[in-house]
N, C-alpha and C. Protein backbone atom coordinates (compact mmCIF):
# COMPACT_ATOMS: atom_id res chain seq x y z
N MET A 1 18.58 -12.42 17.71
CA MET A 1 18.48 -11.80 16.39
C MET A 1 19.23 -12.66 15.38
N ARG A 2 18.57 -13.00 14.29
CA ARG A 2 19.18 -13.90 13.31
C ARG A 2 19.87 -13.09 12.20
N TRP A 3 21.10 -12.67 12.50
CA TRP A 3 21.86 -11.84 11.56
C TRP A 3 22.17 -12.58 10.27
N ASP A 4 22.23 -13.93 10.32
CA ASP A 4 22.55 -14.67 9.10
C ASP A 4 21.50 -14.45 8.02
N GLU A 5 20.23 -14.35 8.42
CA GLU A 5 19.18 -14.11 7.43
C GLU A 5 19.26 -12.70 6.86
N LEU A 6 19.65 -11.75 7.70
CA LEU A 6 19.83 -10.39 7.20
C LEU A 6 20.98 -10.35 6.20
N GLU A 7 22.07 -11.01 6.50
CA GLU A 7 23.23 -11.00 5.60
C GLU A 7 22.88 -11.61 4.25
N ALA A 8 22.04 -12.63 4.23
CA ALA A 8 21.65 -13.26 2.98
C ALA A 8 20.83 -12.31 2.11
N ALA A 9 20.05 -11.44 2.74
CA ALA A 9 19.19 -10.52 2.00
C ALA A 9 19.92 -9.25 1.58
N ALA A 10 21.11 -9.01 2.16
CA ALA A 10 21.82 -7.75 1.93
C ALA A 10 23.25 -8.03 1.51
N PRO A 11 23.46 -8.41 0.25
CA PRO A 11 24.82 -8.74 -0.22
C PRO A 11 25.74 -7.53 -0.17
N ALA A 12 27.04 -7.81 -0.13
CA ALA A 12 28.03 -6.74 -0.05
C ALA A 12 28.13 -5.96 -1.36
N ARG A 13 27.77 -6.59 -2.46
CA ARG A 13 27.93 -5.94 -3.77
C ARG A 13 26.82 -6.40 -4.70
N ILE A 14 26.19 -5.45 -5.38
CA ILE A 14 25.14 -5.77 -6.36
C ILE A 14 25.57 -5.16 -7.69
N PRO A 15 25.90 -5.97 -8.68
CA PRO A 15 26.43 -5.44 -9.94
C PRO A 15 25.40 -4.59 -10.70
N LEU A 16 25.89 -3.58 -11.38
CA LEU A 16 25.10 -2.83 -12.36
C LEU A 16 25.16 -3.59 -13.67
N VAL A 17 24.00 -3.85 -14.25
CA VAL A 17 23.95 -4.64 -15.48
C VAL A 17 23.11 -3.91 -16.53
N ALA A 18 23.22 -4.34 -17.76
CA ALA A 18 22.37 -3.78 -18.81
C ALA A 18 20.91 -4.01 -18.44
N ALA A 19 20.06 -3.06 -18.76
CA ALA A 19 18.65 -3.16 -18.39
C ALA A 19 18.02 -4.44 -18.91
N THR A 20 18.44 -4.89 -20.07
CA THR A 20 17.87 -6.10 -20.65
C THR A 20 18.24 -7.35 -19.87
N ALA A 21 19.32 -7.26 -19.04
CA ALA A 21 19.77 -8.42 -18.28
C ALA A 21 19.16 -8.46 -16.88
N ALA A 22 18.47 -7.41 -16.49
CA ALA A 22 17.88 -7.35 -15.15
C ALA A 22 16.64 -8.23 -15.08
N SER A 23 16.49 -8.93 -13.96
CA SER A 23 15.34 -9.80 -13.77
C SER A 23 14.08 -8.99 -13.48
N SER A 24 13.03 -9.22 -14.24
CA SER A 24 11.79 -8.47 -14.03
C SER A 24 11.15 -8.81 -12.69
N ASP A 25 11.46 -10.01 -12.14
CA ASP A 25 10.90 -10.40 -10.84
C ASP A 25 11.53 -9.62 -9.70
N ASP A 26 12.77 -9.20 -9.89
CA ASP A 26 13.50 -8.54 -8.81
C ASP A 26 13.58 -7.02 -8.97
N CYS A 27 13.09 -6.51 -10.08
CA CYS A 27 13.22 -5.08 -10.36
C CYS A 27 11.85 -4.42 -10.50
N PRO A 28 11.76 -3.14 -10.16
CA PRO A 28 10.51 -2.42 -10.39
C PRO A 28 10.17 -2.41 -11.88
N SER A 29 8.89 -2.48 -12.18
CA SER A 29 8.48 -2.57 -13.59
C SER A 29 8.79 -1.30 -14.37
N LEU A 30 8.91 -0.16 -13.70
CA LEU A 30 9.16 1.10 -14.40
C LEU A 30 10.64 1.38 -14.63
N LEU A 31 11.49 0.46 -14.25
CA LEU A 31 12.93 0.71 -14.30
C LEU A 31 13.45 0.62 -15.73
N ASP A 32 13.79 1.76 -16.33
CA ASP A 32 14.43 1.76 -17.65
C ASP A 32 15.18 3.07 -17.85
N ALA A 33 15.98 3.12 -18.90
CA ALA A 33 16.85 4.26 -19.15
C ALA A 33 16.09 5.56 -19.38
N ALA A 34 14.81 5.47 -19.78
CA ALA A 34 14.03 6.67 -20.05
C ALA A 34 13.86 7.54 -18.80
N LEU A 35 14.03 6.94 -17.62
CA LEU A 35 13.90 7.71 -16.38
C LEU A 35 14.96 8.81 -16.28
N LEU A 36 16.08 8.64 -16.97
CA LEU A 36 17.17 9.60 -16.90
C LEU A 36 16.93 10.81 -17.80
N ALA A 37 16.00 10.70 -18.73
CA ALA A 37 15.73 11.80 -19.65
C ALA A 37 14.96 12.91 -18.94
N PRO A 38 15.07 14.15 -19.41
CA PRO A 38 14.29 15.24 -18.81
C PRO A 38 12.80 14.89 -18.77
N GLY A 39 12.20 15.03 -17.61
CA GLY A 39 10.78 14.71 -17.47
C GLY A 39 10.48 13.23 -17.37
N GLY A 40 11.51 12.39 -17.33
CA GLY A 40 11.28 10.95 -17.31
C GLY A 40 10.99 10.37 -15.94
N CYS A 41 11.39 11.09 -14.90
CA CYS A 41 11.24 10.57 -13.54
C CYS A 41 10.14 11.35 -12.83
N VAL A 42 8.90 11.10 -13.22
CA VAL A 42 7.77 11.84 -12.65
C VAL A 42 6.79 10.96 -11.90
N ALA A 43 6.91 9.65 -12.05
CA ALA A 43 5.98 8.74 -11.38
C ALA A 43 6.22 8.73 -9.88
N PRO A 44 5.18 8.45 -9.09
CA PRO A 44 5.38 8.31 -7.65
C PRO A 44 6.43 7.23 -7.37
N GLY A 45 7.30 7.50 -6.40
CA GLY A 45 8.33 6.53 -6.08
C GLY A 45 9.60 6.68 -6.89
N CYS A 46 9.67 7.71 -7.74
CA CYS A 46 10.87 7.95 -8.56
C CYS A 46 11.59 9.20 -8.06
N SER A 47 12.91 9.11 -7.94
CA SER A 47 13.74 10.23 -7.50
C SER A 47 15.02 10.26 -8.32
N LEU A 48 15.63 11.44 -8.41
CA LEU A 48 16.87 11.61 -9.16
C LEU A 48 18.00 12.04 -8.25
N GLY A 49 19.23 11.68 -8.63
CA GLY A 49 20.42 12.10 -7.92
C GLY A 49 21.63 11.90 -8.80
N VAL A 50 22.80 12.08 -8.22
CA VAL A 50 24.06 11.81 -8.94
C VAL A 50 24.93 10.94 -8.06
N ASP A 51 25.85 10.17 -8.70
CA ASP A 51 26.78 9.36 -7.93
C ASP A 51 28.13 10.07 -7.83
N ALA A 52 29.11 9.41 -7.23
CA ALA A 52 30.41 10.02 -6.98
C ALA A 52 31.16 10.35 -8.26
N GLN A 53 30.80 9.70 -9.36
CA GLN A 53 31.43 9.98 -10.64
C GLN A 53 30.68 11.06 -11.42
N GLY A 54 29.65 11.63 -10.82
CA GLY A 54 28.87 12.66 -11.49
C GLY A 54 27.84 12.12 -12.45
N ARG A 55 27.63 10.80 -12.43
CA ARG A 55 26.63 10.21 -13.33
C ARG A 55 25.23 10.45 -12.77
N ARG A 56 24.29 10.69 -13.67
CA ARG A 56 22.90 10.89 -13.29
C ARG A 56 22.31 9.54 -12.87
N VAL A 57 21.55 9.54 -11.77
CA VAL A 57 20.98 8.30 -11.23
C VAL A 57 19.49 8.51 -11.00
N ALA A 58 18.69 7.55 -11.44
CA ALA A 58 17.25 7.54 -11.15
C ALA A 58 16.95 6.36 -10.23
N PHE A 59 16.14 6.62 -9.23
CA PHE A 59 15.74 5.59 -8.27
C PHE A 59 14.24 5.34 -8.40
N VAL A 60 13.86 4.07 -8.38
CA VAL A 60 12.45 3.69 -8.45
C VAL A 60 12.15 2.66 -7.36
N MET A 61 10.99 2.82 -6.74
CA MET A 61 10.55 1.88 -5.72
C MET A 61 9.12 1.44 -6.00
N GLU A 62 8.87 0.15 -5.84
CA GLU A 62 7.50 -0.38 -5.91
C GLU A 62 7.22 -1.15 -4.63
N GLY A 63 6.05 -0.94 -4.05
CA GLY A 63 5.70 -1.58 -2.80
C GLY A 63 5.60 -0.53 -1.70
N PRO A 64 5.43 -0.97 -0.47
CA PRO A 64 5.45 -2.36 0.00
C PRO A 64 4.12 -3.08 -0.23
N ASP A 65 4.23 -4.40 -0.39
CA ASP A 65 3.07 -5.23 -0.66
C ASP A 65 3.15 -6.52 0.14
N GLY A 66 2.00 -7.16 0.32
CA GLY A 66 1.94 -8.48 0.93
C GLY A 66 2.17 -8.49 2.43
N SER A 67 2.07 -9.67 3.02
CA SER A 67 2.20 -9.79 4.46
C SER A 67 3.61 -9.46 4.94
N GLY A 68 4.60 -9.62 4.06
CA GLY A 68 5.97 -9.29 4.42
C GLY A 68 6.34 -7.86 4.13
N ARG A 69 5.38 -7.07 3.65
CA ARG A 69 5.64 -5.66 3.32
C ARG A 69 6.89 -5.55 2.44
N PHE A 70 6.88 -6.34 1.34
CA PHE A 70 8.03 -6.38 0.45
C PHE A 70 8.01 -5.23 -0.56
N SER A 71 9.19 -4.70 -0.84
CA SER A 71 9.36 -3.67 -1.86
C SER A 71 10.49 -4.09 -2.79
N THR A 72 10.41 -3.62 -4.03
CA THR A 72 11.53 -3.78 -4.96
C THR A 72 12.09 -2.38 -5.22
N LEU A 73 13.40 -2.29 -5.17
CA LEU A 73 14.10 -1.02 -5.35
C LEU A 73 15.04 -1.16 -6.54
N GLY A 74 15.15 -0.11 -7.33
CA GLY A 74 16.06 -0.16 -8.46
C GLY A 74 16.65 1.19 -8.77
N VAL A 75 17.84 1.18 -9.35
CA VAL A 75 18.47 2.41 -9.82
C VAL A 75 18.89 2.22 -11.27
N VAL A 76 18.77 3.31 -12.03
CA VAL A 76 19.32 3.38 -13.38
C VAL A 76 20.47 4.38 -13.30
N VAL A 77 21.64 3.97 -13.72
CA VAL A 77 22.82 4.83 -13.67
C VAL A 77 23.19 5.22 -15.08
N GLY A 78 23.25 6.52 -15.33
CA GLY A 78 23.58 7.02 -16.65
C GLY A 78 25.05 6.80 -16.97
N ASP A 79 25.31 6.26 -18.12
CA ASP A 79 26.68 6.01 -18.58
C ASP A 79 26.61 5.98 -20.10
N THR A 80 27.67 5.58 -20.75
CA THR A 80 27.61 5.42 -22.20
C THR A 80 26.43 4.53 -22.56
N THR A 81 26.31 3.44 -21.81
CA THR A 81 25.12 2.58 -21.87
C THR A 81 24.54 2.53 -20.47
N PRO A 82 23.35 3.10 -20.26
CA PRO A 82 22.77 3.08 -18.91
C PRO A 82 22.66 1.66 -18.37
N ARG A 83 22.93 1.52 -17.09
CA ARG A 83 22.86 0.22 -16.44
C ARG A 83 22.00 0.31 -15.18
N VAL A 84 21.54 -0.84 -14.72
CA VAL A 84 20.61 -0.89 -13.59
C VAL A 84 21.09 -1.87 -12.54
N ALA A 85 20.58 -1.68 -11.33
CA ALA A 85 20.78 -2.63 -10.24
C ALA A 85 19.52 -2.64 -9.40
N CYS A 86 19.19 -3.80 -8.86
CA CYS A 86 17.95 -3.95 -8.11
C CYS A 86 18.20 -4.71 -6.81
N VAL A 87 17.38 -4.42 -5.81
CA VAL A 87 17.47 -5.11 -4.53
C VAL A 87 16.08 -5.14 -3.90
N GLY A 88 15.80 -6.20 -3.16
CA GLY A 88 14.53 -6.30 -2.45
C GLY A 88 14.65 -5.70 -1.06
N ALA A 89 13.50 -5.40 -0.45
CA ALA A 89 13.47 -4.83 0.89
C ALA A 89 12.20 -5.30 1.58
N SER A 90 12.18 -5.16 2.90
CA SER A 90 10.99 -5.53 3.67
C SER A 90 10.84 -4.62 4.87
N THR A 91 9.65 -4.07 5.05
CA THR A 91 9.35 -3.25 6.22
C THR A 91 8.29 -3.94 7.09
N VAL A 92 8.37 -5.28 7.15
CA VAL A 92 7.38 -6.03 7.92
C VAL A 92 7.42 -5.63 9.39
N ALA A 93 8.55 -5.13 9.89
CA ALA A 93 8.64 -4.71 11.29
C ALA A 93 7.75 -3.52 11.59
N TRP A 94 7.19 -2.89 10.56
CA TRP A 94 6.27 -1.78 10.79
C TRP A 94 5.05 -2.24 11.58
N ARG A 95 4.80 -3.56 11.62
CA ARG A 95 3.73 -4.11 12.45
C ARG A 95 3.91 -3.66 13.90
N HIS A 96 5.16 -3.48 14.32
CA HIS A 96 5.47 -2.99 15.67
C HIS A 96 5.74 -1.50 15.67
N LEU A 97 6.52 -1.04 14.70
CA LEU A 97 7.02 0.33 14.72
C LEU A 97 5.95 1.39 14.41
N HIS A 98 4.80 0.97 13.90
CA HIS A 98 3.75 1.95 13.60
C HIS A 98 3.35 2.72 14.86
N ARG A 99 3.55 2.12 16.02
CA ARG A 99 3.20 2.79 17.28
C ARG A 99 4.11 3.99 17.57
N VAL A 100 5.31 3.97 16.97
CA VAL A 100 6.27 5.07 17.19
C VAL A 100 6.69 5.66 15.84
N SER A 101 5.76 5.67 14.91
CA SER A 101 6.08 6.05 13.53
C SER A 101 6.65 7.46 13.41
N LYS A 102 6.29 8.35 14.34
CA LYS A 102 6.79 9.72 14.25
C LYS A 102 8.31 9.80 14.39
N LEU A 103 8.90 8.76 14.98
CA LEU A 103 10.35 8.75 15.15
C LEU A 103 11.09 8.35 13.88
N LEU A 104 10.37 7.74 12.93
CA LEU A 104 11.03 7.20 11.73
C LEU A 104 10.44 7.69 10.41
N ALA A 105 9.16 7.95 10.37
CA ALA A 105 8.51 8.30 9.11
C ALA A 105 8.80 9.75 8.72
N PRO A 106 8.91 9.98 7.41
CA PRO A 106 8.94 8.98 6.35
C PRO A 106 10.29 8.29 6.27
N LEU A 107 10.28 7.01 5.94
CA LEU A 107 11.53 6.27 5.81
C LEU A 107 12.36 6.81 4.66
N THR A 108 13.65 6.84 4.87
CA THR A 108 14.59 7.23 3.81
C THR A 108 14.91 6.02 2.95
N TRP A 109 14.75 6.16 1.65
CA TRP A 109 15.07 5.08 0.71
C TRP A 109 16.18 5.49 -0.27
N PHE A 110 16.29 6.77 -0.57
CA PHE A 110 17.26 7.26 -1.55
C PHE A 110 17.59 8.70 -1.21
N GLY A 111 18.87 9.00 -1.11
CA GLY A 111 19.24 10.37 -0.81
C GLY A 111 20.70 10.47 -0.42
N ASP A 112 21.10 11.67 -0.07
CA ASP A 112 22.48 11.95 0.31
C ASP A 112 22.63 11.71 1.81
N LEU A 113 23.09 10.53 2.19
CA LEU A 113 23.15 10.15 3.59
C LEU A 113 24.31 10.79 4.35
N ASP A 114 25.39 11.11 3.66
CA ASP A 114 26.58 11.62 4.34
C ASP A 114 26.89 13.07 4.00
N GLY A 115 25.99 13.74 3.27
CA GLY A 115 26.15 15.16 3.00
C GLY A 115 27.25 15.52 2.03
N ASN A 116 27.66 14.56 1.18
CA ASN A 116 28.74 14.86 0.23
C ASN A 116 28.23 15.16 -1.18
N GLY A 117 26.90 15.28 -1.32
CA GLY A 117 26.33 15.65 -2.61
C GLY A 117 26.00 14.50 -3.52
N THR A 118 26.30 13.27 -3.11
CA THR A 118 25.96 12.11 -3.93
C THR A 118 24.85 11.31 -3.27
N ALA A 119 24.12 10.57 -4.08
CA ALA A 119 22.96 9.83 -3.58
C ALA A 119 23.31 8.38 -3.26
N GLU A 120 22.71 7.88 -2.20
CA GLU A 120 22.83 6.48 -1.82
C GLU A 120 21.44 5.85 -1.73
N LEU A 121 21.41 4.53 -1.81
CA LEU A 121 20.16 3.78 -1.72
C LEU A 121 20.11 3.11 -0.35
N VAL A 122 18.92 3.10 0.26
CA VAL A 122 18.71 2.41 1.54
C VAL A 122 17.71 1.30 1.33
N ALA A 123 18.14 0.07 1.59
CA ALA A 123 17.25 -1.09 1.50
C ALA A 123 16.93 -1.52 2.94
N TRP A 124 15.74 -1.19 3.42
CA TRP A 124 15.34 -1.61 4.76
C TRP A 124 15.07 -3.11 4.75
N GLN A 125 15.72 -3.82 5.65
CA GLN A 125 15.62 -5.28 5.68
C GLN A 125 15.12 -5.78 7.02
N ARG A 126 14.50 -6.95 6.99
CA ARG A 126 14.02 -7.57 8.22
C ARG A 126 15.18 -8.21 8.98
N LEU A 127 15.09 -8.15 10.30
CA LEU A 127 16.04 -8.84 11.18
C LEU A 127 15.20 -9.72 12.10
N PRO A 128 15.11 -11.02 11.77
CA PRO A 128 14.18 -11.90 12.50
C PRO A 128 14.63 -12.20 13.93
N TRP A 129 13.64 -12.30 14.83
CA TRP A 129 13.90 -12.85 16.15
C TRP A 129 13.03 -14.09 16.39
N GLY A 130 12.22 -14.44 15.42
CA GLY A 130 11.36 -15.61 15.53
C GLY A 130 11.07 -16.19 14.16
N ASP A 131 9.95 -16.92 14.05
CA ASP A 131 9.64 -17.64 12.83
C ASP A 131 8.39 -17.16 12.12
N SER A 132 7.86 -16.00 12.49
CA SER A 132 6.66 -15.49 11.84
C SER A 132 6.90 -14.08 11.34
N GLU A 133 5.97 -13.59 10.52
CA GLU A 133 6.07 -12.23 10.01
C GLU A 133 6.02 -11.20 11.14
N ALA A 134 5.43 -11.60 12.26
CA ALA A 134 5.27 -10.67 13.37
C ALA A 134 6.47 -10.63 14.29
N THR A 135 7.52 -11.37 13.97
CA THR A 135 8.69 -11.43 14.86
C THR A 135 9.93 -10.97 14.10
N ASN A 136 9.90 -9.72 13.69
CA ASN A 136 11.01 -9.13 12.94
C ASN A 136 11.29 -7.72 13.41
N ALA A 137 12.56 -7.40 13.49
CA ALA A 137 13.00 -6.02 13.63
C ALA A 137 13.31 -5.50 12.22
N MET A 138 13.88 -4.32 12.12
CA MET A 138 14.13 -3.71 10.81
C MET A 138 15.47 -2.97 10.86
N VAL A 139 16.29 -3.18 9.82
CA VAL A 139 17.63 -2.60 9.77
C VAL A 139 17.82 -1.86 8.45
N PRO A 140 18.36 -0.63 8.48
CA PRO A 140 18.66 0.07 7.23
C PRO A 140 20.00 -0.38 6.66
N ILE A 141 20.00 -0.84 5.42
CA ILE A 141 21.23 -1.24 4.73
C ILE A 141 21.49 -0.22 3.63
N ALA A 142 22.62 0.46 3.72
CA ALA A 142 22.95 1.52 2.76
C ALA A 142 23.89 1.01 1.68
N TYR A 143 23.61 1.45 0.46
CA TYR A 143 24.45 1.12 -0.69
C TYR A 143 24.91 2.40 -1.37
N ALA A 144 26.20 2.49 -1.59
CA ALA A 144 26.76 3.57 -2.40
C ALA A 144 26.86 3.08 -3.84
N ILE A 145 26.74 4.01 -4.79
CA ILE A 145 26.86 3.66 -6.21
C ILE A 145 28.31 3.92 -6.60
N GLU A 146 29.07 2.85 -6.73
CA GLU A 146 30.50 2.95 -6.96
C GLU A 146 30.89 2.14 -8.20
N GLY A 147 31.38 2.85 -9.22
CA GLY A 147 31.83 2.15 -10.42
C GLY A 147 30.74 1.35 -11.07
N ASP A 148 30.91 0.03 -11.08
CA ASP A 148 29.97 -0.85 -11.78
C ASP A 148 29.08 -1.63 -10.82
N ALA A 149 28.84 -1.09 -9.61
CA ALA A 149 28.04 -1.84 -8.64
C ALA A 149 27.46 -0.93 -7.56
N LEU A 150 26.45 -1.46 -6.88
CA LEU A 150 26.02 -0.92 -5.60
C LEU A 150 26.87 -1.62 -4.55
N VAL A 151 27.53 -0.85 -3.69
CA VAL A 151 28.43 -1.42 -2.70
C VAL A 151 27.90 -1.09 -1.31
N ARG A 152 27.70 -2.13 -0.51
CA ARG A 152 27.16 -1.95 0.84
C ARG A 152 28.16 -1.17 1.70
N ARG A 153 27.67 -0.12 2.33
CA ARG A 153 28.48 0.72 3.21
C ARG A 153 27.70 0.96 4.51
N ASP A 154 27.89 0.09 5.49
CA ASP A 154 27.13 0.17 6.73
C ASP A 154 27.34 1.49 7.46
N VAL A 155 28.52 2.08 7.31
CA VAL A 155 28.79 3.34 8.00
C VAL A 155 27.81 4.43 7.58
N LEU A 156 27.33 4.38 6.34
CA LEU A 156 26.40 5.39 5.85
C LEU A 156 25.02 5.26 6.50
N ALA A 157 24.72 4.08 7.04
CA ALA A 157 23.39 3.84 7.63
C ALA A 157 23.37 4.07 9.13
N ARG A 158 24.47 4.53 9.70
CA ARG A 158 24.53 4.64 11.16
C ARG A 158 23.46 5.59 11.72
N GLY A 159 23.27 6.73 11.08
CA GLY A 159 22.27 7.67 11.58
C GLY A 159 20.87 7.07 11.58
N LEU A 160 20.52 6.37 10.51
CA LEU A 160 19.20 5.75 10.44
C LEU A 160 19.09 4.60 11.44
N ALA A 161 20.18 3.86 11.64
CA ALA A 161 20.16 2.77 12.62
C ALA A 161 19.95 3.31 14.03
N LYS A 162 20.57 4.44 14.34
CA LYS A 162 20.38 5.04 15.67
C LYS A 162 18.93 5.46 15.87
N LYS A 163 18.32 6.03 14.84
CA LYS A 163 16.90 6.41 14.94
C LYS A 163 16.02 5.19 15.14
N THR A 164 16.34 4.09 14.44
CA THR A 164 15.54 2.88 14.57
C THR A 164 15.73 2.26 15.95
N ALA A 165 16.97 2.30 16.47
CA ALA A 165 17.22 1.81 17.83
C ALA A 165 16.38 2.61 18.84
N ALA A 166 16.34 3.93 18.66
CA ALA A 166 15.55 4.78 19.56
C ALA A 166 14.07 4.43 19.48
N ALA A 167 13.60 4.08 18.28
CA ALA A 167 12.19 3.70 18.12
C ALA A 167 11.89 2.42 18.89
N PHE A 168 12.79 1.44 18.82
CA PHE A 168 12.57 0.20 19.57
C PHE A 168 12.68 0.43 21.07
N GLU A 169 13.57 1.34 21.48
CA GLU A 169 13.64 1.69 22.90
C GLU A 169 12.32 2.31 23.38
N GLN A 170 11.71 3.12 22.52
CA GLN A 170 10.41 3.69 22.87
C GLN A 170 9.35 2.62 22.97
N LEU A 171 9.46 1.58 22.12
CA LEU A 171 8.51 0.47 22.22
C LEU A 171 8.67 -0.27 23.54
N VAL A 172 9.91 -0.37 24.04
CA VAL A 172 10.12 -0.99 25.36
C VAL A 172 9.34 -0.21 26.41
N THR A 173 9.44 1.11 26.36
CA THR A 173 8.74 1.96 27.32
C THR A 173 7.22 1.79 27.20
N LEU A 174 6.73 1.76 25.96
CA LEU A 174 5.29 1.60 25.75
C LEU A 174 4.82 0.23 26.22
N SER A 175 5.65 -0.79 26.00
CA SER A 175 5.27 -2.14 26.41
C SER A 175 5.18 -2.24 27.92
N ALA A 176 6.10 -1.56 28.60
CA ALA A 176 6.05 -1.55 30.07
C ALA A 176 4.76 -0.89 30.55
N ALA A 177 4.35 0.16 29.85
CA ALA A 177 3.11 0.84 30.22
C ALA A 177 1.88 -0.01 29.94
N ASP A 178 2.02 -0.97 29.00
CA ASP A 178 0.90 -1.85 28.68
C ASP A 178 0.59 -2.83 29.80
N GLY A 179 1.53 -2.98 30.72
CA GLY A 179 1.31 -3.87 31.86
C GLY A 179 1.47 -5.32 31.50
N SER A 180 0.44 -6.10 31.69
CA SER A 180 0.55 -7.56 31.58
C SER A 180 0.14 -8.10 30.22
N ARG A 181 0.20 -7.28 29.19
CA ARG A 181 -0.18 -7.77 27.86
C ARG A 181 0.74 -8.92 27.45
N GLU A 182 0.19 -10.09 27.22
CA GLU A 182 1.01 -11.26 26.89
C GLU A 182 1.61 -11.18 25.50
N ASP A 183 1.02 -10.37 24.62
CA ASP A 183 1.51 -10.31 23.25
C ASP A 183 2.53 -9.18 23.06
N SER A 184 3.02 -8.61 24.13
CA SER A 184 3.96 -7.50 24.05
C SER A 184 5.39 -8.04 24.20
N PRO A 185 6.15 -8.13 23.10
CA PRO A 185 7.48 -8.76 23.15
C PRO A 185 8.56 -7.79 23.64
N THR A 186 8.44 -7.38 24.88
CA THR A 186 9.34 -6.36 25.43
C THR A 186 10.80 -6.77 25.32
N GLN A 187 11.11 -8.00 25.66
CA GLN A 187 12.51 -8.44 25.61
C GLN A 187 13.05 -8.40 24.19
N CYS A 188 12.21 -8.72 23.23
CA CYS A 188 12.63 -8.68 21.83
C CYS A 188 12.87 -7.24 21.37
N TYR A 189 12.01 -6.32 21.81
CA TYR A 189 12.23 -4.91 21.50
C TYR A 189 13.56 -4.43 22.08
N ARG A 190 13.81 -4.85 23.31
CA ARG A 190 15.06 -4.44 23.96
C ARG A 190 16.27 -5.01 23.21
N ALA A 191 16.17 -6.27 22.78
CA ALA A 191 17.26 -6.88 22.02
C ALA A 191 17.45 -6.19 20.68
N ALA A 192 16.34 -5.82 20.04
CA ALA A 192 16.42 -5.12 18.75
C ALA A 192 17.09 -3.77 18.92
N ALA A 193 16.73 -3.04 19.98
CA ALA A 193 17.34 -1.74 20.24
C ALA A 193 18.84 -1.88 20.46
N ALA A 194 19.26 -2.90 21.21
CA ALA A 194 20.67 -3.11 21.47
C ALA A 194 21.41 -3.51 20.19
N ALA A 195 20.78 -4.37 19.38
CA ALA A 195 21.41 -4.81 18.13
C ALA A 195 21.60 -3.64 17.18
N LEU A 196 20.58 -2.79 17.06
CA LEU A 196 20.66 -1.64 16.16
C LEU A 196 21.65 -0.61 16.66
N SER A 197 21.72 -0.43 17.97
CA SER A 197 22.70 0.48 18.53
C SER A 197 24.12 0.01 18.24
N SER A 198 24.33 -1.30 18.35
CA SER A 198 25.63 -1.88 18.04
C SER A 198 25.95 -1.73 16.56
N PHE A 199 24.95 -1.97 15.72
CA PHE A 199 25.11 -1.83 14.27
C PHE A 199 25.49 -0.39 13.92
N ALA A 200 24.96 0.54 14.69
CA ALA A 200 25.23 1.97 14.44
C ALA A 200 26.57 2.40 15.00
N GLY A 201 27.24 1.48 15.71
CA GLY A 201 28.53 1.83 16.26
C GLY A 201 28.45 2.50 17.60
N GLY A 202 27.28 2.40 18.25
CA GLY A 202 27.09 3.06 19.54
C GLY A 202 27.06 2.10 20.70
């Protein structure tokens, strides 16, 4: 498992910036302060919540698209001047996980992960074991909205990581039942399950 590539895609801190300073290539096209107004967050892929400071937060997602199943995720945080933060995600591992989709779907992208009444963002990222789009696992990376940034908090993603580990373990079982299928990467599924279990602290 190439954790270095995952770390590059999932920085420890993503600053909140003025909407005008956000890159349109990295942010959902609908991301703007109007989402925080009453009736502003009605489009598909938009959700509302609050952060630990009681600020109103709107979440927007576009995607997944393309062979890498890429999505762009963004939040608008209400303040004296609303600010935004954006991060990319990839669910390319769904090429494998679709067989056990009932264990994971629907994926959590935004919500109260720890039951404390505040919302967090989940950026699902690829964890490569090879060099093609078909050789990737998937890891949930959780971000809390703290002060002037999204701050990575792996502890918040433990429950989702355990579910994903269980899904890969089920793929190991299904692959064994497939018998001699040469395209069944059983060892990679087993490694992914172990890596996710470790990531979850188990």
